[in-house]
Amino acid sequence: MKQAQQLMERVARVRKQVREREQAEQAQNEAAPAPTPASSGNVVRLPLWPEATRGVPNVALRSALFGAIKKGARPYLEMAEIHAQDGITIRYTGTRLDQGDLDVWETVLHLTREQALGETCRVTAYQLLKALGKSDTGGNREVLHKRLSRLKATALEVEFTRFSYMGSLIDEVAKETSSREYVIRLNPKLRVLFEDEQFTQLDWTVRQALEGKPLAQWLHAFYASHAQPYPIRMATLLKLAGSEDANPRSAHQTLRKALDAVTEASNAHEQPFSYVIAGELVHTKKTPSGPQRRHLAKKPSKPKK
């Protein structure tokens, strides 16, 4: 009886999340003809995206910049070339970043998306932790502070398509002793990473469902950034994810488990995802998001031979 009640409650939660996602996507579709301008006079803003998603530049999702790495000591990199998908070049200086750092960065982007880039964003640790879906404890506050400091102490040189960016992931971050607020400022030039719709709206509920599974989180983000994923070698996926497992056999087993986790979490939230491994190639099937469907509709159809 108890199990049946729990199942019914879970179904109700999923249905509520689906309704909220559909409402957010409908609102976004209605606003599609009038996208947020990159700049208005001297004001530069990020694109707008629904509350249920997190907007992240594709260069961050199609590379090992935020690697699927384990907890523990991390190396400090200086002008290191980061593994990235063809067409993207990243040189990075700073402590190696992980998926937890990506959670914090995309949350900062989310909270600042409605204000001008370059303006200060004032936010408390409680507000940041709440947005991250974490409890307000001393330990979580300490981890949050370390991640913000780590994101500030970064230097990137990024080249992709016809754009480039040189700067930090977070330009400035300070904590006021009186108000206990974080004062955060992003570089206005960061907007270039979002040009030509080169960003992805990550489903936040699916990502949270994969918390504690860094490779699964990376895979979910990587495939979410592609409207029509192409077959890719297992070794290439692991390299792009920044895998630290030097044993091919165990690395492939870990990859399969991570893909299983993505499949389960995506399907549980009404976002069909499946995969098949044939030889060394990973074949995936997913449903494109609303923005991706519009992007595909803009592509000219290939002439029939």
C-alpha atoms as a PDB file:
ATOM      1  CA  MET A   1       0.000   0.000   0.000  1.00  0.00           C
ATOM      2  CA  LYS A   2       2.829   2.356   0.955  1.00  0.00           C
ATOM      3  CA  GLN A   3       4.724   1.545  -2.271  1.00  0.00           C
ATOM      4  CA  ALA A   4       1.620   2.252  -4.356  1.00  0.00           C
ATOM      5  CA  GLN A   5       1.150   5.611  -2.631  1.00  0.00           C
ATOM      6  CA  GLN A   6       4.822   6.523  -3.228  1.00  0.00           C
ATOM      7  CA  LEU A   7       4.463   5.564  -6.893  1.00  0.00           C
ATOM      8  CA  MET A   8       1.354   7.732  -7.251  1.00  0.00           C
ATOM      9  CA  GLU A   9       3.132  10.671  -5.612  1.00  0.00           C
ATOM     10  CA  ARG A  10       6.098  10.265  -7.957  1.00  0.00           C
ATOM     11  CA  VAL A  11       3.825  10.155 -11.004  1.00  0.00           C
ATOM     12  CA  ALA A  12       2.089  13.320  -9.790  1.00  0.00           C
ATOM     13  CA  ARG A  13       5.451  15.102  -9.381  1.00  0.00           C
ATOM     14  CA  VAL A  14       6.577  14.087 -12.864  1.00  0.00           C
ATOM     15  CA  ARG A  15       3.283  15.247 -14.394  1.00  0.00           C
ATOM     16  CA  LYS A  16       3.620  18.594 -12.613  1.00  0.00           C
ATOM     17  CA  GLN A  17       7.184  19.002 -13.923  1.00  0.00           C
ATOM     18  CA  VAL A  18       6.039  18.160 -17.457  1.00  0.00           C
ATOM     19  CA  ARG A  19       3.233  20.741 -17.263  1.00  0.00           C
ATOM     20  CA  GLU A  20       5.650  23.392 -15.994  1.00  0.00           C
ATOM     21  CA  ARG A  21       8.138  22.558 -18.775  1.00  0.00           C
ATOM     22  CA  GLU A  22       5.422  22.689 -21.434  1.00  0.00           C
ATOM     23  CA  GLN A  23       4.187  26.043 -20.117  1.00  0.00           C
ATOM     24  CA  ALA A  24       7.737  27.429 -20.083  1.00  0.00           C
ATOM     25  CA  GLU A  25       8.397  26.176 -23.618  1.00  0.00           C
ATOM     26  CA  GLN A  26       5.081  27.585 -24.843  1.00  0.00           C
ATOM     27  CA  ALA A  27       5.915  30.973 -23.348  1.00  0.00           C
ATOM     28  CA  GLN A  28       9.332  30.828 -24.977  1.00  0.00           C
ATOM     29  CA  ASN A  29       7.872  29.883 -28.351  1.00  0.00           C
ATOM     30  CA  GLU A  30       5.464  32.806 -28.175  1.00  0.00           C
ATOM     31  CA  ALA A  31       8.363  35.133 -27.445  1.00  0.00           C
ATOM     32  CA  ALA A  32      10.587  33.631 -30.154  1.00  0.00           C
ATOM     33  CA  PRO A  33       9.946  36.293 -32.824  1.00  0.00           C
ATOM     34  CA  ALA A  34      11.421  38.941 -30.522  1.00  0.00           C
ATOM     35  CA  PRO A  35      14.659  37.510 -29.084  1.00  0.00           C
ATOM     36  CA  THR A  36      16.629  39.455 -26.520  1.00  0.00           C
ATOM     37  CA  PRO A  37      19.135  41.661 -28.354  1.00  0.00           C
ATOM     38  CA  ALA A  38      22.811  41.119 -27.643  1.00  0.00           C
ATOM     39  CA  SER A  39      23.123  44.828 -26.944  1.00  0.00           C
ATOM     40  CA  SER A  40      20.966  47.903 -26.765  1.00  0.00           C
ATOM     41  CA  GLY A  41      23.108  51.006 -26.937  1.00  0.00           C
ATOM     42  CA  ASN A  42      25.860  50.307 -24.422  1.00  0.00           C
ATOM     43  CA  VAL A  43      23.834  47.672 -22.527  1.00  0.00           C
ATOM     44  CA  VAL A  44      24.833  44.043 -23.130  1.00  0.00           C
ATOM     45  CA  ARG A  45      22.625  41.222 -21.903  1.00  0.00           C
ATOM     46  CA  LEU A  46      22.489  37.447 -21.993  1.00  0.00           C
ATOM     47  CA  PRO A  47      19.660  35.764 -23.917  1.00  0.00           C
ATOM     48  CA  LEU A  48      16.597  34.930 -21.848  1.00  0.00           C
ATOM     49  CA  TRP A  49      15.621  31.335 -21.104  1.00  0.00           C
ATOM     50  CA  PRO A  50      12.841  29.738 -18.998  1.00  0.00           C
ATOM     51  CA  GLU A  51      13.137  29.306 -15.233  1.00  0.00           C
ATOM     52  CA  ALA A  52      13.128  25.498 -15.597  1.00  0.00           C
ATOM     53  CA  THR A  53      16.319  25.499 -17.683  1.00  0.00           C
ATOM     54  CA  ARG A  54      19.883  26.784 -17.443  1.00  0.00           C
ATOM     55  CA  GLY A  55      21.514  28.507 -20.425  1.00  0.00           C
ATOM     56  CA  VAL A  56      25.109  27.394 -20.970  1.00  0.00           C
ATOM     57  CA  PRO A  57      27.485  28.127 -23.889  1.00  0.00           C
ATOM     58  CA  ASN A  58      28.114  25.070 -26.046  1.00  0.00           C
ATOM     59  CA  VAL A  59      31.885  25.512 -25.751  1.00  0.00           C
ATOM     60  CA  ALA A  60      31.509  24.561 -22.074  1.00  0.00           C
ATOM     61  CA  LEU A  61      29.349  21.506 -22.814  1.00  0.00           C
ATOM     62  CA  ARG A  62      31.314  20.113 -25.752  1.00  0.00           C
ATOM     63  CA  SER A  63      34.684  20.060 -24.038  1.00  0.00           C
ATOM     64  CA  ALA A  64      36.520  18.944 -20.906  1.00  0.00           C
ATOM     65  CA  LEU A  65      36.521  22.486 -19.478  1.00  0.00           C
ATOM     66  CA  PHE A  66      34.193  21.256 -16.723  1.00  0.00           C
ATOM     67  CA  GLY A  67      35.454  17.704 -16.561  1.00  0.00           C
ATOM     68  CA  ALA A  68      33.761  14.542 -15.321  1.00  0.00           C
ATOM     69  CA  ILE A  69      36.392  14.120 -12.616  1.00  0.00           C
ATOM     70  CA  LYS A  70      36.391  12.685  -9.120  1.00  0.00           C
ATOM     71  CA  LYS A  71      36.601  14.584  -5.851  1.00  0.00           C
ATOM     72  CA  GLY A  72      40.016  15.264  -4.379  1.00  0.00           C
ATOM     73  CA  ALA A  73      43.155  17.220  -5.173  1.00  0.00           C
ATOM     74  CA  ARG A  74      43.175  18.888  -8.582  1.00  0.00           C
ATOM     75  CA  PRO A  75      46.062  20.035 -10.755  1.00  0.00           C
ATOM     76  CA  TYR A  76      46.695  23.674 -11.597  1.00  0.00           C
ATOM     77  CA  LEU A  77      46.825  24.187 -15.352  1.00  0.00           C
ATOM     78  CA  GLU A  78      48.616  26.992 -17.172  1.00  0.00           C
ATOM     79  CA  MET A  79      47.704  27.767 -20.801  1.00  0.00           C
ATOM     80  CA  ALA A  80      46.656  24.134 -21.153  1.00  0.00           C
ATOM     81  CA  GLU A  81      44.758  23.156 -24.282  1.00  0.00           C
ATOM     82  CA  ILE A  82      41.483  21.558 -23.228  1.00  0.00           C
ATOM     83  CA  HIS A  83      40.056  18.628 -25.189  1.00  0.00           C
ATOM     84  CA  ALA A  84      37.115  19.934 -27.185  1.00  0.00           C
ATOM     85  CA  GLN A  85      34.890  19.015 -30.093  1.00  0.00           C
ATOM     86  CA  ASP A  86      36.192  19.908 -33.555  1.00  0.00           C
ATOM     87  CA  GLY A  87      35.787  23.597 -34.280  1.00  0.00           C
ATOM     88  CA  ILE A  88      36.415  24.664 -30.667  1.00  0.00           C
ATOM     89  CA  THR A  89      39.791  25.666 -29.229  1.00  0.00           C
ATOM     90  CA  ILE A  90      40.178  26.332 -25.493  1.00  0.00           C
ATOM     91  CA  ARG A  91      43.326  27.322 -23.616  1.00  0.00           C
ATOM     92  CA  TYR A  92      42.840  27.396 -19.888  1.00  0.00           C
ATOM     93  CA  THR A  93      44.711  28.676 -16.858  1.00  0.00           C
ATOM     94  CA  GLY A  94      43.501  27.841 -13.371  1.00  0.00           C
ATOM     95  CA  THR A  95      42.599  24.925 -11.120  1.00  0.00           C
ATOM     96  CA  ARG A  96      40.874  22.152 -13.021  1.00  0.00           C
ATOM     97  CA  LEU A  97      37.088  22.510 -12.976  1.00  0.00           C
ATOM     98  CA  ASP A  98      34.430  19.851 -12.448  1.00  0.00           C
ATOM     99  CA  GLN A  99      30.663  19.429 -12.889  1.00  0.00           C
ATOM    100  CA  GLY A 100      29.981  20.987  -9.487  1.00  0.00           C
ATOM    101  CA  ASP A 101      31.768  24.132 -10.665  1.00  0.00           C
ATOM    102  CA  LEU A 102      29.553  24.100 -13.761  1.00  0.00           C
ATOM    103  CA  ASP A 103      26.451  23.970 -11.541  1.00  0.00           C
ATOM    104  CA  VAL A 104      27.589  27.137  -9.753  1.00  0.00           C
ATOM    105  CA  TRP A 105      28.604  28.947 -12.958  1.00  0.00           C
ATOM    106  CA  GLU A 106      25.359  28.202 -14.766  1.00  0.00           C
ATOM    107  CA  THR A 107      23.449  29.316 -11.653  1.00  0.00           C
ATOM    108  CA  VAL A 108      25.313  32.644 -11.687  1.00  0.00           C
ATOM    109  CA  LEU A 109      24.470  32.997 -15.400  1.00  0.00           C
ATOM    110  CA  HIS A 110      20.847  32.158 -14.605  1.00  0.00           C
ATOM    111  CA  LEU A 111      20.555  34.761 -11.843  1.00  0.00           C
ATOM    112  CA  THR A 112      22.187  37.518 -13.927  1.00  0.00           C
ATOM    113  CA  ARG A 113      20.376  36.856 -17.219  1.00  0.00           C
ATOM    114  CA  GLU A 114      17.803  39.615 -16.674  1.00  0.00           C
ATOM    115  CA  GLN A 115      20.307  42.368 -15.925  1.00  0.00           C
ATOM    116  CA  ALA A 116      23.028  44.033 -17.960  1.00  0.00           C
ATOM    117  CA  LEU A 117      26.339  42.184 -18.128  1.00  0.00           C
ATOM    118  CA  GLY A 118      28.947  44.188 -16.267  1.00  0.00           C
ATOM    119  CA  GLU A 119      26.485  45.262 -13.583  1.00  0.00           C
ATOM    120  CA  THR A 120      27.014  43.828 -10.122  1.00  0.00           C
ATOM    121  CA  CYS A 121      24.734  41.047  -8.956  1.00  0.00           C
ATOM    122  CA  ARG A 122      24.120  40.958  -5.208  1.00  0.00           C
ATOM    123  CA  VAL A 123      23.089  37.572  -3.851  1.00  0.00           C
ATOM    124  CA  THR A 124      23.389  35.754  -0.534  1.00  0.00           C
ATOM    125  CA  ALA A 125      24.827  32.286  -0.008  1.00  0.00           C
ATOM    126  CA  TYR A 126      21.343  31.160   1.019  1.00  0.00           C
ATOM    127  CA  GLN A 127      19.867  32.364  -2.298  1.00  0.00           C
ATOM    128  CA  LEU A 128      22.614  30.672  -4.317  1.00  0.00           C
ATOM    129  CA  LEU A 129      22.279  27.390  -2.434  1.00  0.00           C
ATOM    130  CA  LYS A 130      18.496  27.499  -2.824  1.00  0.00           C
ATOM    131  CA  ALA A 131      18.889  28.036  -6.586  1.00  0.00           C
ATOM    132  CA  LEU A 132      21.311  25.097  -6.642  1.00  0.00           C
ATOM    133  CA  GLY A 133      18.781  22.906  -4.827  1.00  0.00           C
ATOM    134  CA  LYS A 134      21.070  22.492  -1.805  1.00  0.00           C
ATOM    135  CA  SER A 135      20.400  22.906   1.910  1.00  0.00           C
ATOM    136  CA  ASP A 136      21.818  25.913   3.723  1.00  0.00           C
ATOM    137  CA  THR A 137      24.519  24.299   5.865  1.00  0.00           C
ATOM    138  CA  GLY A 138      27.982  25.400   6.900  1.00  0.00           C
ATOM    139  CA  GLY A 139      29.564  22.724   4.748  1.00  0.00           C
ATOM    140  CA  ASN A 140      27.613  23.703   1.632  1.00  0.00           C
ATOM    141  CA  ARG A 141      28.443  27.387   2.198  1.00  0.00           C
ATOM    142  CA  GLU A 142      32.133  26.533   2.415  1.00  0.00           C
ATOM    143  CA  VAL A 143      32.021  24.491  -0.810  1.00  0.00           C
ATOM    144  CA  LEU A 144      30.075  27.277  -2.574  1.00  0.00           C
ATOM    145  CA  HIS A 145      32.665  29.871  -1.514  1.00  0.00           C
ATOM    146  CA  LYS A 146      35.515  27.709  -2.813  1.00  0.00           C
ATOM    147  CA  ARG A 147      33.773  27.186  -6.149  1.00  0.00           C
ATOM    148  CA  LEU A 148      33.089  30.897  -6.633  1.00  0.00           C
ATOM    149  CA  SER A 149      36.734  31.679  -5.829  1.00  0.00           C
ATOM    150  CA  ARG A 150      37.874  28.976  -8.239  1.00  0.00           C
ATOM    151  CA  LEU A 151      35.679  30.318 -11.059  1.00  0.00           C
ATOM    152  CA  LYS A 152      37.037  33.821 -10.533  1.00  0.00           C
ATOM    153  CA  ALA A 153      40.655  32.645 -10.626  1.00  0.00           C
ATOM    154  CA  THR A 154      40.390  31.419 -14.232  1.00  0.00           C
ATOM    155  CA  ALA A 155      41.711  32.678 -17.544  1.00  0.00           C
ATOM    156  CA  LEU A 156      40.347  31.407 -20.867  1.00  0.00           C
ATOM    157  CA  GLU A 157      41.188  31.843 -24.492  1.00  0.00           C
ATOM    158  CA  VAL A 158      38.309  30.429 -26.543  1.00  0.00           C
ATOM    159  CA  GLU A 159      37.924  30.290 -30.315  1.00  0.00           C
ATOM    160  CA  PHE A 160      34.873  28.861 -32.087  1.00  0.00           C
ATOM    161  CA  THR A 161      33.151  29.490 -35.413  1.00  0.00           C
ATOM    162  CA  ARG A 162      33.930  33.156 -36.128  1.00  0.00           C
ATOM    163  CA  PHE A 163      34.090  34.280 -32.495  1.00  0.00           C
ATOM    164  CA  SER A 164      36.681  34.383 -29.729  1.00  0.00           C
ATOM    165  CA  TYR A 165      36.757  35.245 -26.039  1.00  0.00           C
ATOM    166  CA  MET A 166      39.627  36.030 -23.687  1.00  0.00           C
ATOM    167  CA  GLY A 167      38.811  36.501 -20.032  1.00  0.00           C
ATOM    168  CA  SER A 168      37.575  34.850 -16.845  1.00  0.00           C
ATOM    169  CA  LEU A 169      34.432  32.831 -16.168  1.00  0.00           C
ATOM    170  CA  ILE A 170      33.567  35.262 -13.364  1.00  0.00           C
ATOM    171  CA  ASP A 171      35.175  38.686 -13.588  1.00  0.00           C
ATOM    172  CA  GLU A 172      34.779  39.738  -9.970  1.00  0.00           C
ATOM    173  CA  VAL A 173      33.415  38.177  -6.783  1.00  0.00           C
ATOM    174  CA  ALA A 174      33.585  39.585  -3.273  1.00  0.00           C
ATOM    175  CA  LYS A 175      31.701  39.009  -0.040  1.00  0.00           C
ATOM    176  CA  GLU A 176      30.572  42.017   1.962  1.00  0.00           C
ATOM    177  CA  THR A 177      31.138  41.618   5.686  1.00  0.00           C
ATOM    178  CA  SER A 178      28.161  43.797   6.657  1.00  0.00           C
ATOM    179  CA  SER A 179      25.387  42.352   4.455  1.00  0.00           C
ATOM    180  CA  ARG A 180      27.046  38.922   3.978  1.00  0.00           C
ATOM    181  CA  GLU A 181      26.079  39.217   0.321  1.00  0.00           C
ATOM    182  CA  TYR A 182      28.225  38.088  -2.583  1.00  0.00           C
ATOM    183  CA  VAL A 183      28.838  40.868  -5.088  1.00  0.00           C
ATOM    184  CA  ILE A 184      29.401  39.237  -8.485  1.00  0.00           C
ATOM    185  CA  ARG A 185      30.229  40.805 -11.834  1.00  0.00           C
ATOM    186  CA  LEU A 186      30.504  39.115 -15.228  1.00  0.00           C
ATOM    187  CA  ASN A 187      32.544  40.362 -18.160  1.00  0.00           C
ATOM    188  CA  PRO A 188      30.226  41.921 -20.804  1.00  0.00           C
ATOM    189  CA  LYS A 189      32.380  40.274 -23.474  1.00  0.00           C
ATOM    190  CA  LEU A 190      31.161  36.916 -22.158  1.00  0.00           C
ATOM    191  CA  ARG A 191      28.085  37.517 -24.324  1.00  0.00           C
ATOM    192  CA  VAL A 192      30.050  36.416 -27.393  1.00  0.00           C
ATOM    193  CA  LEU A 193      29.905  32.804 -26.152  1.00  0.00           C
ATOM    194  CA  PHE A 194      26.126  32.928 -26.697  1.00  0.00           C
ATOM    195  CA  GLU A 195      26.207  34.407 -30.211  1.00  0.00           C
ATOM    196  CA  ASP A 196      24.491  32.653 -33.148  1.00  0.00           C
ATOM    197  CA  GLU A 197      22.458  30.582 -30.671  1.00  0.00           C
ATOM    198  CA  GLN A 198      25.633  28.761 -29.630  1.00  0.00           C
ATOM    199  CA  PHE A 199      24.219  27.867 -26.238  1.00  0.00           C
ATOM    200  CA  THR A 200      21.980  25.163 -24.788  1.00  0.00           C
ATOM    201  CA  GLN A 201      19.051  25.314 -22.409  1.00  0.00           C
ATOM    202  CA  LEU A 202      19.799  22.469 -20.004  1.00  0.00           C
ATOM    203  CA  ASP A 203      16.849  20.891 -18.230  1.00  0.00           C
ATOM    204  CA  TRP A 204      17.569  21.597 -14.579  1.00  0.00           C
ATOM    205  CA  THR A 205      15.408  18.785 -13.132  1.00  0.00           C
ATOM    206  CA  VAL A 206      17.220  16.105 -15.151  1.00  0.00           C
ATOM    207  CA  ARG A 207      20.619  17.542 -14.249  1.00  0.00           C
ATOM    208  CA  GLN A 208      19.715  17.579 -10.552  1.00  0.00           C
ATOM    209  CA  ALA A 209      18.506  13.979 -10.812  1.00  0.00           C
ATOM    210  CA  LEU A 210      22.045  13.068 -11.953  1.00  0.00           C
ATOM    211  CA  GLU A 211      23.800  14.840  -9.063  1.00  0.00           C
ATOM    212  CA  GLY A 212      26.738  12.838  -7.769  1.00  0.00           C
ATOM    213  CA  LYS A 213      27.247  11.201 -11.173  1.00  0.00           C
ATOM    214  CA  PRO A 214      29.689  13.567 -12.938  1.00  0.00           C
ATOM    215  CA  LEU A 215      30.095  11.542 -16.136  1.00  0.00           C
ATOM    216  CA  ALA A 216      26.315  11.162 -16.485  1.00  0.00           C
ATOM    217  CA  GLN A 217      25.900  14.914 -15.956  1.00  0.00           C
ATOM    218  CA  TRP A 218      28.530  15.639 -18.598  1.00  0.00           C
ATOM    219  CA  LEU A 219      26.914  13.227 -21.074  1.00  0.00           C
ATOM    220  CA  HIS A 220      23.459  14.704 -20.492  1.00  0.00           C
ATOM    221  CA  ALA A 221      24.807  18.207 -21.168  1.00  0.00           C
ATOM    222  CA  PHE A 222      26.842  17.104 -24.190  1.00  0.00           C
ATOM    223  CA  TYR A 223      23.922  15.389 -25.898  1.00  0.00           C
ATOM    224  CA  ALA A 224      21.535  18.174 -24.904  1.00  0.00           C
ATOM    225  CA  SER A 225      23.765  20.561 -26.867  1.00  0.00           C
ATOM    226  CA  HIS A 226      23.127  18.614 -30.093  1.00  0.00           C
ATOM    227  CA  ALA A 227      19.779  18.728 -31.888  1.00  0.00           C
ATOM    228  CA  GLN A 228      20.663  15.571 -33.825  1.00  0.00           C
ATOM    229  CA  PRO A 229      23.491  13.686 -32.077  1.00  0.00           C
ATOM    230  CA  TYR A 230      25.895  11.844 -34.337  1.00  0.00           C
ATOM    231  CA  PRO A 231      27.586   8.469 -33.634  1.00  0.00           C
ATOM    232  CA  ILE A 232      30.780   8.980 -31.666  1.00  0.00           C
ATOM    233  CA  ARG A 233      33.539   6.652 -30.491  1.00  0.00           C
ATOM    234  CA  MET A 234      33.618   5.713 -26.811  1.00  0.00           C
ATOM    235  CA  ALA A 235      37.248   6.791 -26.538  1.00  0.00           C
ATOM    236  CA  THR A 236      36.395  10.196 -28.022  1.00  0.00           C
ATOM    237  CA  LEU A 237      33.501  10.714 -25.591  1.00  0.00           C
ATOM    238  CA  LEU A 238      35.703   9.872 -22.617  1.00  0.00           C
ATOM    239  CA  LYS A 239      38.443  12.194 -23.859  1.00  0.00           C
ATOM    240  CA  LEU A 240      35.999  15.078 -24.330  1.00  0.00           C
ATOM    241  CA  ALA A 241      34.601  14.435 -20.846  1.00  0.00           C
ATOM    242  CA  GLY A 242      38.081  14.672 -19.326  1.00  0.00           C
ATOM    243  CA  SER A 243      37.987  11.092 -18.029  1.00  0.00           C
ATOM    244  CA  GLU A 244      40.888  10.235 -15.728  1.00  0.00           C
ATOM    245  CA  ASP A 245      40.489   6.455 -16.101  1.00  0.00           C
ATOM    246  CA  ALA A 246      43.501   5.134 -18.008  1.00  0.00           C
ATOM    247  CA  ASN A 247      42.071   1.600 -18.158  1.00  0.00           C
ATOM    248  CA  PRO A 248      39.956   1.304 -21.339  1.00  0.00           C
ATOM    249  CA  ARG A 249      37.932  -1.635 -20.042  1.00  0.00           C
ATOM    250  CA  SER A 250      36.845   0.006 -16.772  1.00  0.00           C
ATOM    251  CA  ALA A 251      36.396   3.367 -18.541  1.00  0.00           C
ATOM    252  CA  HIS A 252      33.994   1.767 -21.032  1.00  0.00           C
ATOM    253  CA  GLN A 253      32.058   0.090 -18.193  1.00  0.00           C
ATOM    254  CA  THR A 254      31.771   3.446 -16.415  1.00  0.00           C
ATOM    255  CA  LEU A 255      30.582   5.047 -19.647  1.00  0.00           C
ATOM    256  CA  ARG A 256      27.831   2.447 -20.097  1.00  0.00           C
ATOM    257  CA  LYS A 257      26.632   2.972 -16.507  1.00  0.00           C
ATOM    258  CA  ALA A 258      26.602   6.739 -17.039  1.00  0.00           C
ATOM    259  CA  LEU A 259      24.596   6.387 -20.263  1.00  0.00           C
ATOM    260  CA  ASP A 260      22.153   4.140 -18.407  1.00  0.00           C
ATOM    261  CA  ALA A 261      21.768   6.854 -15.758  1.00  0.00           C
ATOM    262  CA  VAL A 262      21.103   9.511 -18.410  1.00  0.00           C
ATOM    263  CA  THR A 263      18.522   7.243 -20.059  1.00  0.00           C
ATOM    264  CA  GLU A 264      16.720   6.588 -16.777  1.00  0.00           C
ATOM    265  CA  ALA A 265      16.700  10.235 -15.605  1.00  0.00           C
ATOM    266  CA  SER A 266      15.669  11.612 -19.010  1.00  0.00           C
ATOM    267  CA  ASN A 267      12.843   9.143 -19.542  1.00  0.00           C
ATOM    268  CA  ALA A 268      11.618   9.654 -15.956  1.00  0.00           C
ATOM    269  CA  HIS A 269      11.127  13.325 -16.817  1.00  0.00           C
ATOM    270  CA  GLU A 270       9.371  12.685 -20.133  1.00  0.00           C
ATOM    271  CA  GLN A 271      12.447  13.430 -22.268  1.00  0.00           C
ATOM    272  CA  PRO A 272      12.995  10.320 -24.395  1.00  0.00           C
ATOM    273  CA  PHE A 273      16.643   9.285 -24.648  1.00  0.00           C
ATOM    274  CA  SER A 274      18.132   5.977 -25.717  1.00  0.00           C
ATOM    275  CA  TYR A 275      21.481   4.643 -26.847  1.00  0.00           C
ATOM    276  CA  VAL A 276      23.068   1.657 -28.550  1.00  0.00           C
ATOM    277  CA  ILE A 277      26.771   0.793 -28.628  1.00  0.00           C
ATOM    278  CA  ALA A 278      27.830  -0.912 -31.848  1.00  0.00           C
ATOM    279  CA  GLY A 279      31.493  -1.836 -31.785  1.00  0.00           C
ATOM    280  CA  GLU A 280      33.254   1.313 -30.574  1.00  0.00           C
ATOM    281  CA  LEU A 281      30.515   3.720 -31.660  1.00  0.00           C
ATOM    282  CA  VAL A 282      27.833   5.152 -29.365  1.00  0.00           C
ATOM    283  CA  HIS A 283      24.569   5.813 -31.211  1.00  0.00           C
ATOM    284  CA  THR A 284      21.974   7.927 -29.399  1.00  0.00           C
ATOM    285  CA  LYS A 285      18.415   9.007 -30.040  1.00  0.00           C
ATOM    286  CA  LYS A 286      16.727  11.969 -28.351  1.00  0.00           C
ATOM    287  CA  THR A 287      13.939  14.470 -28.853  1.00  0.00           C
ATOM    288  CA  PRO A 288      15.198  17.954 -29.786  1.00  0.00           C
ATOM    289  CA  SER A 289      14.184  20.813 -27.502  1.00  0.00           C
ATOM    290  CA  GLY A 290      11.894  23.613 -28.679  1.00  0.00           C
ATOM    291  CA  PRO A 291      14.762  25.954 -29.623  1.00  0.00           C
ATOM    292  CA  GLN A 292      16.551  23.093 -31.386  1.00  0.00           C
ATOM    293  CA  ARG A 293      13.452  22.249 -33.425  1.00  0.00           C
ATOM    294  CA  ARG A 294      13.271  25.868 -34.550  1.00  0.00           C
ATOM    295  CA  HIS A 295      16.968  25.731 -35.415  1.00  0.00           C
ATOM    296  CA  LEU A 296      16.474  22.590 -37.497  1.00  0.00           C
ATOM    297  CA  ALA A 297      13.494  24.196 -39.250  1.00  0.00           C
ATOM    298  CA  LYS A 298      15.733  27.090 -40.347  1.00  0.00           C
ATOM    299  CA  LYS A 299      18.219  24.754 -42.020  1.00  0.00           C
ATOM    300  CA  PRO A 300      17.786  24.540 -45.802  1.00  0.00           C
ATOM    301  CA  SER A 301      16.692  21.096 -46.922  1.00  0.00           C
ATOM    302  CA  LYS A 302      19.180  19.132 -48.965  1.00  0.00           C
ATOM    303  CA  PRO A 303      18.238  18.809 -52.645  1.00  0.00           C
ATOM    304  CA  LYS A 304      17.174  15.351 -53.675  1.00  0.00           C
ATOM    305  CA  LYS A 305      19.553  13.582 -56.013  1.00  0.00           C
END
